Amino acid sequence: MNPALTHVSTLIEAAGVTVIVIAALVATIAFLHGGLVSADWQGALRRYRANLGRGILLGLELLVAADIIGTVAVTPSLENLAVLGLIVAIRTFLSFSLEVEIEGRWPWRRDEAMRPDARTQL
């Protein structure tokens, strides 16, 4: 077991949790401010969900990085690898779900939404 990597993993994990908490607080304050100032609560709610989702995504990426470093820090075993694989799979699924919720489309279809329809060019 490498104690330096364990400490790095713990720090990155704490950073991930901190990012999620701060993002939740900032998104909530922006939601309340936007709703009270403009009285457009539906628009404020859409922005709130998008901002909160982005913060959660960033925090999840840091947590996955911490898990990978934490797994490298301990003595490698098939059990540790299986646990890491399961954690990464769950967090990846959550990331994709949040991305679809925020953007309204699959991440790999982002380019299609930006380019003009091919049928209009004929």
PDB file of N, CA and C in Angstrom:
ATOM      1  N   MET A   1       0.854  -1.189   0.000  1.00  0.00           N
ATOM      2  CA  MET A   1       0.000   0.000   0.000  1.00  0.00           C
ATOM      3  C   MET A   1       0.892   1.243   0.000  1.00  0.00           C
ATOM      4  N   ASN A   2       0.561   2.170  -0.846  1.00  0.00           N
ATOM      5  CA  ASN A   2       1.335   3.397  -0.977  1.00  0.00           C
ATOM      6  C   ASN A   2       0.604   4.522  -0.241  1.00  0.00           C
ATOM      7  N   PRO A   3       1.138   4.972   0.907  1.00  0.00           N
ATOM      8  CA  PRO A   3       0.438   5.999   1.686  1.00  0.00           C
ATOM      9  C   PRO A   3       0.313   7.340   0.957  1.00  0.00           C
ATOM     10  N   ALA A   4       1.283   7.686   0.125  1.00  0.00           N
ATOM     11  CA  ALA A   4       1.198   8.960  -0.605  1.00  0.00           C
ATOM     12  C   ALA A   4       0.015   8.937  -1.571  1.00  0.00           C
ATOM     13  N   LEU A   5      -0.153   7.828  -2.291  1.00  0.00           N
ATOM     14  CA  LEU A   5      -1.291   7.719  -3.212  1.00  0.00           C
ATOM     15  C   LEU A   5      -2.618   7.682  -2.467  1.00  0.00           C
ATOM     16  N   THR A   6      -2.609   7.092  -1.289  1.00  0.00           N
ATOM     17  CA  THR A   6      -3.829   7.069  -0.483  1.00  0.00           C
ATOM     18  C   THR A   6      -4.227   8.482  -0.085  1.00  0.00           C
ATOM     19  N   HIS A   7      -3.254   9.298   0.292  1.00  0.00           N
ATOM     20  CA  HIS A   7      -3.542  10.695   0.660  1.00  0.00           C
ATOM     21  C   HIS A   7      -4.015  11.496  -0.552  1.00  0.00           C
ATOM     22  N   VAL A   8      -3.374  11.275  -1.697  1.00  0.00           N
ATOM     23  CA  VAL A   8      -3.793  11.967  -2.923  1.00  0.00           C
ATOM     24  C   VAL A   8      -5.228  11.586  -3.269  1.00  0.00           C
ATOM     25  N   SER A   9      -5.528  10.301  -3.164  1.00  0.00           N
ATOM     26  CA  SER A   9      -6.888   9.829  -3.442  1.00  0.00           C
ATOM     27  C   SER A   9      -7.899  10.473  -2.508  1.00  0.00           C
ATOM     28  N   THR A  10      -7.561  10.565  -1.243  1.00  0.00           N
ATOM     29  CA  THR A  10      -8.456  11.181  -0.261  1.00  0.00           C
ATOM     30  C   THR A  10      -8.667  12.663  -0.562  1.00  0.00           C
ATOM     31  N   LEU A  11      -7.599  13.358  -0.945  1.00  0.00           N
ATOM     32  CA  LEU A  11      -7.719  14.784  -1.281  1.00  0.00           C
ATOM     33  C   LEU A  11      -8.600  14.999  -2.512  1.00  0.00           C
ATOM     34  N   ILE A  12      -8.411  14.178  -3.537  1.00  0.00           N
ATOM     35  CA  ILE A  12      -9.227  14.319  -4.745  1.00  0.00           C
ATOM     36  C   ILE A  12     -10.679  13.970  -4.444  1.00  0.00           C
ATOM     37  N   GLU A  13     -10.893  12.966  -3.614  1.00  0.00           N
ATOM     38  CA  GLU A  13     -12.254  12.604  -3.209  1.00  0.00           C
ATOM     39  C   GLU A  13     -12.917  13.760  -2.459  1.00  0.00           C
ATOM     40  N   ALA A  14     -12.180  14.376  -1.551  1.00  0.00           N
ATOM     41  CA  ALA A  14     -12.717  15.529  -0.816  1.00  0.00           C
ATOM     42  C   ALA A  14     -13.008  16.686  -1.763  1.00  0.00           C
ATOM     43  N   ALA A  15     -12.141  16.880  -2.758  1.00  0.00           N
ATOM     44  CA  ALA A  15     -12.383  17.937  -3.747  1.00  0.00           C
ATOM     45  C   ALA A  15     -13.658  17.656  -4.533  1.00  0.00           C
ATOM     46  N   GLY A  16     -13.895  16.403  -4.889  1.00  0.00           N
ATOM     47  CA  GLY A  16     -15.112  16.044  -5.611  1.00  0.00           C
ATOM     48  C   GLY A  16     -16.362  16.328  -4.810  1.00  0.00           C
ATOM     49  N   VAL A  17     -16.350  15.955  -3.546  1.00  0.00           N
ATOM     50  CA  VAL A  17     -17.502  16.221  -2.677  1.00  0.00           C
ATOM     51  C   VAL A  17     -17.683  17.727  -2.497  1.00  0.00           C
ATOM     52  N   THR A  18     -16.580  18.443  -2.321  1.00  0.00           N
ATOM     53  CA  THR A  18     -16.648  19.899  -2.154  1.00  0.00           C
ATOM     54  C   THR A  18     -17.241  20.567  -3.391  1.00  0.00           C
ATOM     55  N   VAL A  19     -16.825  20.114  -4.569  1.00  0.00           N
ATOM     56  CA  VAL A  19     -17.364  20.678  -5.813  1.00  0.00           C
ATOM     57  C   VAL A  19     -18.875  20.472  -5.879  1.00  0.00           C
ATOM     58  N   ILE A  20     -19.342  19.285  -5.530  1.00  0.00           N
ATOM     59  CA  ILE A  20     -20.781  19.003  -5.583  1.00  0.00           C
ATOM     60  C   ILE A  20     -21.540  19.881  -4.598  1.00  0.00           C
ATOM     61  N   VAL A  21     -21.024  20.022  -3.388  1.00  0.00           N
ATOM     62  CA  VAL A  21     -21.701  20.837  -2.372  1.00  0.00           C
ATOM     63  C   VAL A  21     -21.734  22.307  -2.790  1.00  0.00           C
ATOM     64  N   ILE A  22     -20.596  22.828  -3.243  1.00  0.00           N
ATOM     65  CA  ILE A  22     -20.554  24.237  -3.662  1.00  0.00           C
ATOM     66  C   ILE A  22     -21.461  24.463  -4.870  1.00  0.00           C
ATOM     67  N   ALA A  23     -21.439  23.537  -5.815  1.00  0.00           N
ATOM     68  CA  ALA A  23     -22.305  23.672  -6.994  1.00  0.00           C
ATOM     69  C   ALA A  23     -23.773  23.677  -6.590  1.00  0.00           C
ATOM     70  N   ALA A  24     -24.140  22.842  -5.629  1.00  0.00           N
ATOM     71  CA  ALA A  24     -25.532  22.815  -5.168  1.00  0.00           C
ATOM     72  C   ALA A  24     -25.910  24.139  -4.517  1.00  0.00           C
ATOM     73  N   LEU A  25     -25.022  24.672  -3.703  1.00  0.00           N
ATOM     74  CA  LEU A  25     -25.308  25.955  -3.047  1.00  0.00           C
ATOM     75  C   LEU A  25     -25.402  27.097  -4.057  1.00  0.00           C
ATOM     76  N   VAL A  26     -24.436  27.171  -4.971  1.00  0.00           N
ATOM     77  CA  VAL A  26     -24.433  28.251  -5.963  1.00  0.00           C
ATOM     78  C   VAL A  26     -25.644  28.133  -6.882  1.00  0.00           C
ATOM     79  N   ALA A  27     -25.962  26.916  -7.325  1.00  0.00           N
ATOM     80  CA  ALA A  27     -27.117  26.726  -8.209  1.00  0.00           C
ATOM     81  C   ALA A  27     -28.412  27.090  -7.499  1.00  0.00           C
ATOM     82  N   THR A  28     -28.520  26.756  -6.215  1.00  0.00           N
ATOM     83  CA  THR A  28     -29.726  27.086  -5.456  1.00  0.00           C
ATOM     84  C   THR A  28     -29.870  28.592  -5.284  1.00  0.00           C
ATOM     85  N   ILE A  29     -28.774  29.262  -4.966  1.00  0.00           N
ATOM     86  CA  ILE A  29     -28.823  30.723  -4.818  1.00  0.00           C
ATOM     87  C   ILE A  29     -29.192  31.375  -6.150  1.00  0.00           C
ATOM     88  N   ALA A  30     -28.579  30.905  -7.251  1.00  0.00           N
ATOM     89  CA  ALA A  30     -28.898  31.462  -8.573  1.00  0.00           C
ATOM     90  C   ALA A  30     -30.352  31.193  -8.940  1.00  0.00           C
ATOM     91  N   PHE A  31     -30.867  30.023  -8.581  1.00  0.00           N
ATOM     92  CA  PHE A  31     -32.268  29.690  -8.852  1.00  0.00           C
ATOM     93  C   PHE A  31     -33.204  30.640  -8.117  1.00  0.00           C
ATOM     94  N   LEU A  32     -32.962  30.819  -6.835  1.00  0.00           N
ATOM     95  CA  LEU A  32     -33.822  31.709  -6.048  1.00  0.00           C
ATOM     96  C   LEU A  32     -33.723  33.147  -6.546  1.00  0.00           C
ATOM     97  N   HIS A  33     -32.523  33.599  -6.827  1.00  0.00           N
ATOM     98  CA  HIS A  33     -32.335  34.966  -7.325  1.00  0.00           C
ATOM     99  C   HIS A  33     -33.021  35.143  -8.678  1.00  0.00           C
ATOM    100  N   GLY A  34     -32.791  34.202  -9.587  1.00  0.00           N
ATOM    101  CA  GLY A  34     -33.395  34.301 -10.913  1.00  0.00           C
ATOM    102  C   GLY A  34     -34.909  34.243 -10.872  1.00  0.00           C
ATOM    103  N   GLY A  35     -35.445  33.384 -10.019  1.00  0.00           N
ATOM    104  CA  GLY A  35     -36.897  33.281  -9.911  1.00  0.00           C
ATOM    105  C   GLY A  35     -37.524  34.504  -9.291  1.00  0.00           C
ATOM    106  N   LEU A  36     -36.871  35.059  -8.279  1.00  0.00           N
ATOM    107  CA  LEU A  36     -37.429  36.236  -7.612  1.00  0.00           C
ATOM    108  C   LEU A  36     -37.308  37.494  -8.466  1.00  0.00           C
ATOM    109  N   VAL A  37     -36.186  37.637  -9.176  1.00  0.00           N
ATOM    110  CA  VAL A  37     -35.971  38.844  -9.975  1.00  0.00           C
ATOM    111  C   VAL A  37     -36.847  38.849 -11.227  1.00  0.00           C
ATOM    112  N   SER A  38     -36.877  37.730 -11.940  1.00  0.00           N
ATOM    113  CA  SER A  38     -37.598  37.713 -13.218  1.00  0.00           C
ATOM    114  C   SER A  38     -39.005  37.140 -13.105  1.00  0.00           C
ATOM    115  N   ALA A  39     -39.324  36.491 -12.019  1.00  0.00           N
ATOM    116  CA  ALA A  39     -40.602  35.804 -11.811  1.00  0.00           C
ATOM    117  C   ALA A  39     -40.823  34.706 -12.848  1.00  0.00           C
ATOM    118  N   ASP A  40     -39.771  34.315 -13.551  1.00  0.00           N
ATOM    119  CA  ASP A  40     -39.839  33.208 -14.510  1.00  0.00           C
ATOM    120  C   ASP A  40     -39.299  31.959 -13.816  1.00  0.00           C
ATOM    121  N   TRP A  41     -40.141  31.341 -13.011  1.00  0.00           N
ATOM    122  CA  TRP A  41     -39.706  30.212 -12.207  1.00  0.00           C
ATOM    123  C   TRP A  41     -39.404  28.987 -13.068  1.00  0.00           C
ATOM    124  N   GLN A  42     -40.113  28.821 -14.182  1.00  0.00           N
ATOM    125  CA  GLN A  42     -39.828  27.674 -15.053  1.00  0.00           C
ATOM    126  C   GLN A  42     -38.448  27.800 -15.689  1.00  0.00           C
ATOM    127  N   GLY A  43     -38.117  28.988 -16.174  1.00  0.00           N
ATOM    128  CA  GLY A  43     -36.783  29.215 -16.731  1.00  0.00           C
ATOM    129  C   GLY A  43     -35.707  29.072 -15.668  1.00  0.00           C
ATOM    130  N   ALA A  44     -36.000  29.594 -14.483  1.00  0.00           N
ATOM    131  CA  ALA A  44     -35.041  29.480 -13.379  1.00  0.00           C
ATOM    132  C   ALA A  44     -34.830  28.018 -13.003  1.00  0.00           C
ATOM    133  N   LEU A  45     -35.900  27.229 -13.049  1.00  0.00           N
ATOM    134  CA  LEU A  45     -35.784  25.806 -12.720  1.00  0.00           C
ATOM    135  C   LEU A  45     -34.957  25.069 -13.769  1.00  0.00           C
ATOM    136  N   ARG A  46     -35.157  25.381 -15.044  1.00  0.00           N
ATOM    137  CA  ARG A  46     -34.344  24.760 -16.103  1.00  0.00           C
ATOM    138  C   ARG A  46     -32.868  25.088 -15.904  1.00  0.00           C
ATOM    139  N   ARG A  47     -32.568  26.351 -15.630  1.00  0.00           N
ATOM    140  CA  ARG A  47     -31.173  26.753 -15.402  1.00  0.00           C
ATOM    141  C   ARG A  47     -30.617  26.090 -14.137  1.00  0.00           C
ATOM    142  N   TYR A  48     -31.457  25.987 -13.110  1.00  0.00           N
ATOM    143  CA  TYR A  48     -31.040  25.347 -11.855  1.00  0.00           C
ATOM    144  C   TYR A  48     -30.632  23.899 -12.100  1.00  0.00           C
ATOM    145  N   ARG A  49     -31.482  23.169 -12.813  1.00  0.00           N
ATOM    146  CA  ARG A  49     -31.187  21.759 -13.079  1.00  0.00           C
ATOM    147  C   ARG A  49     -29.919  21.615 -13.910  1.00  0.00           C
ATOM    148  N   ALA A  50     -29.745  22.492 -14.902  1.00  0.00           N
ATOM    149  CA  ALA A  50     -28.543  22.425 -15.737  1.00  0.00           C
ATOM    150  C   ALA A  50     -27.293  22.751 -14.920  1.00  0.00           C
ATOM    151  N   ASN A  51     -27.349  23.806 -14.117  1.00  0.00           N
ATOM    152  CA  ASN A  51     -26.191  24.190 -13.300  1.00  0.00           C
ATOM    153  C   ASN A  51     -25.860  23.126 -12.265  1.00  0.00           C
ATOM    154  N   LEU A  52     -26.883  22.598 -11.616  1.00  0.00           N
ATOM    155  CA  LEU A  52     -26.662  21.554 -10.617  1.00  0.00           C
ATOM    156  C   LEU A  52     -26.097  20.302 -11.278  1.00  0.00           C
ATOM    157  N   GLY A  53     -26.639  19.950 -12.431  1.00  0.00           N
ATOM    158  CA  GLY A  53     -26.143  18.777 -13.151  1.00  0.00           C
ATOM    159  C   GLY A  53     -24.688  18.915 -13.547  1.00  0.00           C
ATOM    160  N   ARG A  54     -24.297  20.097 -14.007  1.00  0.00           N
ATOM    161  CA  ARG A  54     -22.888  20.318 -14.377  1.00  0.00           C
ATOM    162  C   ARG A  54     -21.969  20.185 -13.162  1.00  0.00           C
ATOM    163  N   GLY A  55     -22.409  20.701 -12.028  1.00  0.00           N
ATOM    164  CA  GLY A  55     -21.611  20.571 -10.810  1.00  0.00           C
ATOM    165  C   GLY A  55     -21.478  19.127 -10.368  1.00  0.00           C
ATOM    166  N   ILE A  56     -22.572  18.381 -10.471  1.00  0.00           N
ATOM    167  CA  ILE A  56     -22.531  16.966 -10.104  1.00  0.00           C
ATOM    168  C   ILE A  56     -21.618  16.202 -11.059  1.00  0.00           C
ATOM    169  N   LEU A  57     -21.695  16.503 -12.351  1.00  0.00           N
ATOM    170  CA  LEU A  57     -20.818  15.835 -13.323  1.00  0.00           C
ATOM    171  C   LEU A  57     -19.346  16.072 -13.009  1.00  0.00           C
ATOM    172  N   LEU A  58     -18.999  17.313 -12.711  1.00  0.00           N
ATOM    173  CA  LEU A  58     -17.609  17.619 -12.384  1.00  0.00           C
ATOM    174  C   LEU A  58     -17.185  16.885 -11.113  1.00  0.00           C
ATOM    175  N   GLY A  59     -18.042  16.893 -10.104  1.00  0.00           N
ATOM    176  CA  GLY A  59     -17.738  16.181  -8.871  1.00  0.00           C
ATOM    177  C   GLY A  59     -17.591  14.684  -9.091  1.00  0.00           C
ATOM    178  N   LEU A  60     -18.465  14.097  -9.932  1.00  0.00           N
ATOM    179  CA  LEU A  60     -18.372  12.667 -10.227  1.00  0.00           C
ATOM    180  C   LEU A  60     -17.066  12.323 -10.936  1.00  0.00           C
ATOM    181  N   GLU A  61     -16.625  13.185 -11.830  1.00  0.00           N
ATOM    182  CA  GLU A  61     -15.356  12.929 -12.513  1.00  0.00           C
ATOM    183  C   GLU A  61     -14.197  12.913 -11.524  1.00  0.00           C
ATOM    184  N   LEU A  62     -14.223  13.818 -10.574  1.00  0.00           N
ATOM    185  CA  LEU A  62     -13.176  13.818  -9.545  1.00  0.00           C
ATOM    186  C   LEU A  62     -13.267  12.574  -8.667  1.00  0.00           C
ATOM    187  N   LEU A  63     -14.480  12.143  -8.341  1.00  0.00           N
ATOM    188  CA  LEU A  63     -14.643  10.948  -7.514  1.00  0.00           C
ATOM    189  C   LEU A  63     -14.168   9.692  -8.242  1.00  0.00           C
ATOM    190  N   VAL A  64     -14.419   9.603  -9.543  1.00  0.00           N
ATOM    191  CA  VAL A  64     -13.917   8.465 -10.317  1.00  0.00           C
ATOM    192  C   VAL A  64     -12.390   8.478 -10.328  1.00  0.00           C
ATOM    193  N   ALA A  65     -11.797   9.660 -10.516  1.00  0.00           N
ATOM    194  CA  ALA A  65     -10.333   9.758 -10.492  1.00  0.00           C
ATOM    195  C   ALA A  65      -9.788   9.314  -9.138  1.00  0.00           C
ATOM    196  N   ALA A  66     -10.449   9.715  -8.069  1.00  0.00           N
ATOM    197  CA  ALA A  66     -10.010   9.306  -6.727  1.00  0.00           C
ATOM    198  C   ALA A  66     -10.115   7.797  -6.553  1.00  0.00           C
ATOM    199  N   ASP A  67     -11.183   7.199  -7.084  1.00  0.00           N
ATOM    200  CA  ASP A  67     -11.329   5.742  -6.992  1.00  0.00           C
ATOM    201  C   ASP A  67     -10.223   5.023  -7.749  1.00  0.00           C
ATOM    202  N   ILE A  68      -9.886   5.524  -8.919  1.00  0.00           N
ATOM    203  CA  ILE A  68      -8.818   4.895  -9.707  1.00  0.00           C
ATOM    204  C   ILE A  68      -7.490   4.999  -8.971  1.00  0.00           C
ATOM    205  N   ILE A  69      -7.177   6.170  -8.454  1.00  0.00           N
ATOM    206  CA  ILE A  69      -5.925   6.347  -7.707  1.00  0.00           C
ATOM    207  C   ILE A  69      -5.940   5.498  -6.440  1.00  0.00           C
ATOM    208  N   GLY A  70      -7.086   5.451  -5.758  1.00  0.00           N
ATOM    209  CA  GLY A  70      -7.191   4.637  -4.550  1.00  0.00           C
ATOM    210  C   GLY A  70      -6.981   3.161  -4.824  1.00  0.00           C
ATOM    211  N   THR A  71      -7.439   2.693  -5.969  1.00  0.00           N
ATOM    212  CA  THR A  71      -7.255   1.289  -6.324  1.00  0.00           C
ATOM    213  C   THR A  71      -5.793   0.996  -6.637  1.00  0.00           C
ATOM    214  N   VAL A  72      -5.114   1.931  -7.259  1.00  0.00           N
ATOM    215  CA  VAL A  72      -3.689   1.761  -7.546  1.00  0.00           C
ATOM    216  C   VAL A  72      -2.887   1.783  -6.244  1.00  0.00           C
ATOM    217  N   ALA A  73      -3.355   2.520  -5.248  1.00  0.00           N
ATOM    218  CA  ALA A  73      -2.621   2.672  -3.988  1.00  0.00           C
ATOM    219  C   ALA A  73      -2.590   1.388  -3.176  1.00  0.00           C
ATOM    220  N   VAL A  74      -3.633   0.577  -3.280  1.00  0.00           N
ATOM    221  CA  VAL A  74      -3.674  -0.661  -2.498  1.00  0.00           C
ATOM    222  C   VAL A  74      -3.087  -1.800  -3.322  1.00  0.00           C
ATOM    223  N   THR A  75      -2.837  -2.895  -2.654  1.00  0.00           N
ATOM    224  CA  THR A  75      -2.317  -4.066  -3.342  1.00  0.00           C
ATOM    225  C   THR A  75      -3.353  -4.554  -4.348  1.00  0.00           C
ATOM    226  N   PRO A  76      -2.986  -4.655  -5.609  1.00  0.00           N
ATOM    227  CA  PRO A  76      -3.960  -5.054  -6.630  1.00  0.00           C
ATOM    228  C   PRO A  76      -4.499  -6.464  -6.394  1.00  0.00           C
ATOM    229  N   SER A  77      -5.792  -6.605  -6.564  1.00  0.00           N
ATOM    230  CA  SER A  77      -6.430  -7.914  -6.485  1.00  0.00           C
ATOM    231  C   SER A  77      -7.637  -7.901  -7.413  1.00  0.00           C
ATOM    232  N   LEU A  78      -8.124  -9.078  -7.743  1.00  0.00           N
ATOM    233  CA  LEU A  78      -9.300  -9.157  -8.607  1.00  0.00           C
ATOM    234  C   LEU A  78     -10.520  -8.541  -7.932  1.00  0.00           C
ATOM    235  N   GLU A  79     -10.613  -8.675  -6.616  1.00  0.00           N
ATOM    236  CA  GLU A  79     -11.746  -8.096  -5.890  1.00  0.00           C
ATOM    237  C   GLU A  79     -11.716  -6.567  -5.977  1.00  0.00           C
ATOM    238  N   ASN A  80     -10.536  -5.980  -5.760  1.00  0.00           N
ATOM    239  CA  ASN A  80     -10.411  -4.521  -5.872  1.00  0.00           C
ATOM    240  C   ASN A  80     -10.727  -4.048  -7.284  1.00  0.00           C
ATOM    241  N   LEU A  81     -10.254  -4.792  -8.274  1.00  0.00           N
ATOM    242  CA  LEU A  81     -10.517  -4.432  -9.663  1.00  0.00           C
ATOM    243  C   LEU A  81     -12.009  -4.523  -9.984  1.00  0.00           C
ATOM    244  N   ALA A  82     -12.676  -5.550  -9.467  1.00  0.00           N
ATOM    245  CA  ALA A  82     -14.117  -5.702  -9.698  1.00  0.00           C
ATOM    246  C   ALA A  82     -14.898  -4.568  -9.044  1.00  0.00           C
ATOM    247  N   VAL A  83     -14.514  -4.209  -7.830  1.00  0.00           N
ATOM    248  CA  VAL A  83     -15.181  -3.104  -7.135  1.00  0.00           C
ATOM    249  C   VAL A  83     -14.967  -1.800  -7.899  1.00  0.00           C
ATOM    250  N   LEU A  84     -13.738  -1.553  -8.339  1.00  0.00           N
ATOM    251  CA  LEU A  84     -13.458  -0.346  -9.120  1.00  0.00           C
ATOM    252  C   LEU A  84     -14.282  -0.328 -10.407  1.00  0.00           C
ATOM    253  N   GLY A  85     -14.336  -1.455 -11.090  1.00  0.00           N
ATOM    254  CA  GLY A  85     -15.118  -1.535 -12.324  1.00  0.00           C
ATOM    255  C   GLY A  85     -16.582  -1.231 -12.091  1.00  0.00           C
ATOM    256  N   LEU A  86     -17.137  -1.753 -11.015  1.00  0.00           N
ATOM    257  CA  LEU A  86     -18.542  -1.500 -10.692  1.00  0.00           C
ATOM    258  C   LEU A  86     -18.771  -0.028 -10.358  1.00  0.00           C
ATOM    259  N   ILE A  87     -17.886   0.549  -9.565  1.00  0.00           N
ATOM    260  CA  ILE A  87     -18.022   1.965  -9.194  1.00  0.00           C
ATOM    261  C   ILE A  87     -17.918   2.854 -10.428  1.00  0.00           C
ATOM    262  N   VAL A  88     -16.941   2.582 -11.282  1.00  0.00           N
ATOM    263  CA  VAL A  88     -16.772   3.387 -12.496  1.00  0.00           C
ATOM    264  C   VAL A  88     -17.979   3.217 -13.414  1.00  0.00           C
ATOM    265  N   ALA A  89     -18.504   2.003 -13.531  1.00  0.00           N
ATOM    266  CA  ALA A  89     -19.680   1.773 -14.383  1.00  0.00           C
ATOM    267  C   ALA A  89     -20.888   2.551 -13.871  1.00  0.00           C
ATOM    268  N   ILE A  90     -21.118   2.510 -12.565  1.00  0.00           N
ATOM    269  CA  ILE A  90     -22.259   3.231 -11.986  1.00  0.00           C
ATOM    270  C   ILE A  90     -22.093   4.732 -12.185  1.00  0.00           C
ATOM    271  N   ARG A  91     -20.922   5.251 -11.905  1.00  0.00           N
ATOM    272  CA  ARG A  91     -20.703   6.696 -12.034  1.00  0.00           C
ATOM    273  C   ARG A  91     -20.719   7.138 -13.497  1.00  0.00           C
ATOM    274  N   THR A  92     -20.261   6.279 -14.398  1.00  0.00           N
ATOM    275  CA  THR A  92     -20.342   6.603 -15.825  1.00  0.00           C
ATOM    276  C   THR A  92     -21.792   6.650 -16.274  1.00  0.00           C
ATOM    277  N   PHE A  93     -22.595   5.690 -15.819  1.00  0.00           N
ATOM    278  CA  PHE A  93     -24.023   5.699 -16.142  1.00  0.00           C
ATOM    279  C   PHE A  93     -24.681   6.975 -15.617  1.00  0.00           C
ATOM    280  N   LEU A  94     -24.351   7.354 -14.396  1.00  0.00           N
ATOM    281  CA  LEU A  94     -24.896   8.597 -13.837  1.00  0.00           C
ATOM    282  C   LEU A  94     -24.455   9.808 -14.656  1.00  0.00           C
ATOM    283  N   SER A  95     -23.201   9.818 -15.090  1.00  0.00           N
ATOM    284  CA  SER A  95     -22.708  10.935 -15.898  1.00  0.00           C
ATOM    285  C   SER A  95     -23.462  11.030 -17.216  1.00  0.00           C
ATOM    286  N   PHE A  96     -23.661   9.897 -17.886  1.00  0.00           N
ATOM    287  CA  PHE A  96     -24.412   9.911 -19.136  1.00  0.00           C
ATOM    288  C   PHE A  96     -25.845  10.359 -18.908  1.00  0.00           C
ATOM    289  N   SER A  97     -26.455   9.868 -17.838  1.00  0.00           N
ATOM    290  CA  SER A  97     -27.838  10.255 -17.540  1.00  0.00           C
ATOM    291  C   SER A  97     -27.946  11.753 -17.294  1.00  0.00           C
ATOM    292  N   LEU A  98     -27.015  12.302 -16.538  1.00  0.00           N
ATOM    293  CA  LEU A  98     -27.026  13.741 -16.276  1.00  0.00           C
ATOM    294  C   LEU A  98     -26.771  14.539 -17.552  1.00  0.00           C
ATOM    295  N   GLU A  99     -25.867  14.055 -18.387  1.00  0.00           N
ATOM    296  CA  GLU A  99     -25.575  14.745 -19.649  1.00  0.00           C
ATOM    297  C   GLU A  99     -26.820  14.806 -20.532  1.00  0.00           C
ATOM    298  N   VAL A 100     -27.535  13.692 -20.619  1.00  0.00           N
ATOM    299  CA  VAL A 100     -28.768  13.664 -21.415  1.00  0.00           C
ATOM    300  C   VAL A 100     -29.803  14.597 -20.802  1.00  0.00           C
ATOM    301  N   GLU A 101     -29.894  14.620 -19.491  1.00  0.00           N
ATOM    302  CA  GLU A 101     -30.854  15.496 -18.811  1.00  0.00           C
ATOM    303  C   GLU A 101     -30.532  16.968 -19.057  1.00  0.00           C
ATOM    304  N   ILE A 102     -29.260  17.316 -19.029  1.00  0.00           N
ATOM    305  CA  ILE A 102     -28.853  18.713 -19.206  1.00  0.00           C
ATOM    306  C   ILE A 102     -28.995  19.147 -20.669  1.00  0.00           C
ATOM    307  N   GLU A 103     -28.445  18.343 -21.580  1.00  0.00           N
ATOM    308  CA  GLU A 103     -28.384  18.725 -22.992  1.00  0.00           C
ATOM    309  C   GLU A 103     -29.635  18.345 -23.774  1.00  0.00           C
ATOM    310  N   GLY A 104     -30.373  17.353 -23.301  1.00  0.00           N
ATOM    311  CA  GLY A 104     -31.566  16.910 -24.015  1.00  0.00           C
ATOM    312  C   GLY A 104     -31.262  15.986 -25.180  1.00  0.00           C
ATOM    313  N   ARG A 105     -30.035  15.486 -25.268  1.00  0.00           N
ATOM    314  CA  ARG A 105     -29.657  14.552 -26.332  1.00  0.00           C
ATOM    315  C   ARG A 105     -28.424  13.768 -25.866  1.00  0.00           C
ATOM    316  N   TRP A 106     -28.149  12.670 -26.582  1.00  0.00           N
ATOM    317  CA  TRP A 106     -26.977  11.864 -26.260  1.00  0.00           C
ATOM    318  C   TRP A 106     -25.704  12.649 -26.564  1.00  0.00           C
ATOM    319  N   PRO A 107     -24.647  12.447 -25.789  1.00  0.00           N
ATOM    320  CA  PRO A 107     -23.411  13.205 -26.011  1.00  0.00           C
ATOM    321  C   PRO A 107     -22.844  13.031 -27.422  1.00  0.00           C
ATOM    322  N   TRP A 108     -22.978  11.872 -28.015  1.00  0.00           N
ATOM    323  CA  TRP A 108     -22.417  11.634 -29.340  1.00  0.00           C
ATOM    324  C   TRP A 108     -23.288  12.204 -30.461  1.00  0.00           C
ATOM    325  N   ARG A 109     -24.446  12.784 -30.129  1.00  0.00           N
ATOM    326  CA  ARG A 109     -25.311  13.401 -31.130  1.00  0.00           C
ATOM    327  C   ARG A 109     -25.215  14.923 -31.082  1.00  0.00           C
ATOM    328  N   ARG A 110     -24.276  15.448 -30.350  1.00  0.00           N
ATOM    329  CA  ARG A 110     -24.111  16.894 -30.194  1.00  0.00           C
ATOM    330  C   ARG A 110     -23.817  17.569 -31.533  1.00  0.00           C
ATOM    331  N   ASP A 111     -22.966  16.951 -32.370  1.00  0.00           N
ATOM    332  CA  ASP A 111     -22.623  17.539 -33.666  1.00  0.00           C
ATOM    333  C   ASP A 111     -23.826  17.617 -34.592  1.00  0.00           C
ATOM    334  N   GLU A 112     -24.706  16.634 -34.533  1.00  0.00           N
ATOM    335  CA  GLU A 112     -25.890  16.637 -35.391  1.00  0.00           C
ATOM    336  C   GLU A 112     -26.796  17.818 -35.086  1.00  0.00           C
ATOM    337  N   ALA A 113     -26.875  18.207 -33.843  1.00  0.00           N
ATOM    338  CA  ALA A 113     -27.740  19.324 -33.468  1.00  0.00           C
ATOM    339  C   ALA A 113     -27.162  20.654 -33.946  1.00  0.00           C
ATOM    340  N   MET A 114     -25.835  20.721 -34.110  1.00  0.00           N
ATOM    341  CA  MET A 114     -25.195  21.976 -34.489  1.00  0.00           C
ATOM    342  C   MET A 114     -25.162  22.201 -36.000  1.00  0.00           C
ATOM    343  N   ARG A 115     -25.123  21.128 -36.781  1.00  0.00           N
ATOM    344  CA  ARG A 115     -25.028  21.310 -38.232  1.00  0.00           C
ATOM    345  C   ARG A 115     -26.416  21.388 -38.854  1.00  0.00           C
ATOM    346  N   PRO A 116     -26.521  22.067 -39.987  1.00  0.00           N
ATOM    347  CA  PRO A 116     -27.827  22.170 -40.637  1.00  0.00           C
ATOM    348  C   PRO A 116     -28.280  20.814 -41.157  1.00  0.00           C
ATOM    349  N   ASP A 117     -29.547  20.653 -41.301  1.00  0.00           N
ATOM    350  CA  ASP A 117     -30.124  19.406 -41.774  1.00  0.00           C
ATOM    351  C   ASP A 117     -29.606  19.112 -43.180  1.00  0.00           C
ATOM    352  N   ALA A 118     -29.146  17.901 -43.408  1.00  0.00           N
ATOM    353  CA  ALA A 118     -28.561  17.526 -44.698  1.00  0.00           C
ATOM    354  C   ALA A 118     -29.596  17.602 -45.816  1.00  0.00           C
ATOM    355  N   ARG A 119     -30.860  17.369 -45.495  1.00  0.00           N
ATOM    356  CA  ARG A 119     -31.901  17.403 -46.525  1.00  0.00           C
ATOM    357  C   ARG A 119     -32.122  18.811 -47.068  1.00  0.00           C
ATOM    358  N   THR A 120     -31.859  19.833 -46.291  1.00  0.00           N
ATOM    359  CA  THR A 120     -32.070  21.199 -46.767  1.00  0.00           C
ATOM    360  C   THR A 120     -30.968  21.640 -47.722  1.00  0.00           C
ATOM    361  N   GLN A 121     -29.863  20.892 -47.761  1.00  0.00           N
ATOM    362  CA  GLN A 121     -28.758  21.257 -48.637  1.00  0.00           C
ATOM    363  C   GLN A 121     -28.893  20.657 -50.024  1.00  0.00           C
ATOM    364  N   LEU A 122     -29.837  19.767 -50.250  1.00  0.00           N
ATOM    365  CA  LEU A 122     -30.006  19.134 -51.571  1.00  0.00           C
ATOM    366  C   LEU A 122     -30.588  20.047 -52.584  1.00  0.00           C
TER     367      LEU A 122
END
